[in-house]
Amino acid sequence: MYLATYHYPPMKLPHGIHDFQELVKKGFYYIDRTPYIEKLERSKDRLVLFRRPNGFDRKLFISMLGYYYGIQYRSKFETLFKRYYIGQKKTAQANQYQILAFDLCNLDLVNLQKTEQTLTHSVKKGIEAFLRQYKNIPNGKQNSTLVNDGFEKMLTTFLHSCAEYNIYLFLDDAQGLISDIADPGTRYSPFNLVTRSLITRFFRIIERGLSQGIIGRILSLGIDESHDRD
């Protein structure tokens, strides 16, 4: 009796890769998260708090959404998404936004000074990435945005210079800072009053940008702690 032996190519797992385009180009295995796009767009809220289990790769997910919604990647849609669900179910919002992203994961919450310093750094880093990508903001306005001290003046000045944009803002909020402000519910807040006050000031600025139409949508991606307890 002859038993055929099949040798399958080894699965390429994307350890440490958080850039969706790099993952696709190098042929790494990807658990298709693109069906979430339809679910997110069904929400009538322009501010969406999206909580996933701790093992969910938030940075890769945000990167994938950036390539999907970013206006600069319109010509790459077929190449990047043809193998995945959303490649056959393209939505009207695909490649319609300028992408702004703030990483709030590593804010130092030890005291007011540290929290404000690290928040300012995160805001500046996100704005710098935006300005590198979208160069049609006049140079004078670019420079005046980044010389401001503190995240409030910096972010407010930046948004004022973006009146002609349609921004999709992604917040990597592993610590639950935005969820604590936007959807406090009845649970006890783990953050002290100083931290909550600072994050509230940040949240009010982006909320104002949303109401003024400068920011089209906000997705805050956090951790669903209930999954971790199971």
Foldseek 3Di string as FASTA:
>chain_A
DDDDDDDDDDAAADVPDQALVVCLVVVHDDDFPVVVVVVVVVDPDQEAEAAAAPVDRPSNVVNVVCCFQALVNPVCLCSRPVVHDCVVVPDPRGNVFQEFEFEPPPQDQPDLVSNFVVRLVRLLVRLVVSCVVDVPQDPVLSVVLNVDPTNLSNLLSSLVSQLVGAYEYEYACAVCLVVCQPPVDPDDDPHDPSSNVVVVSVVVSVVVSCVSRSYVHYYYYYHDCVVVVD
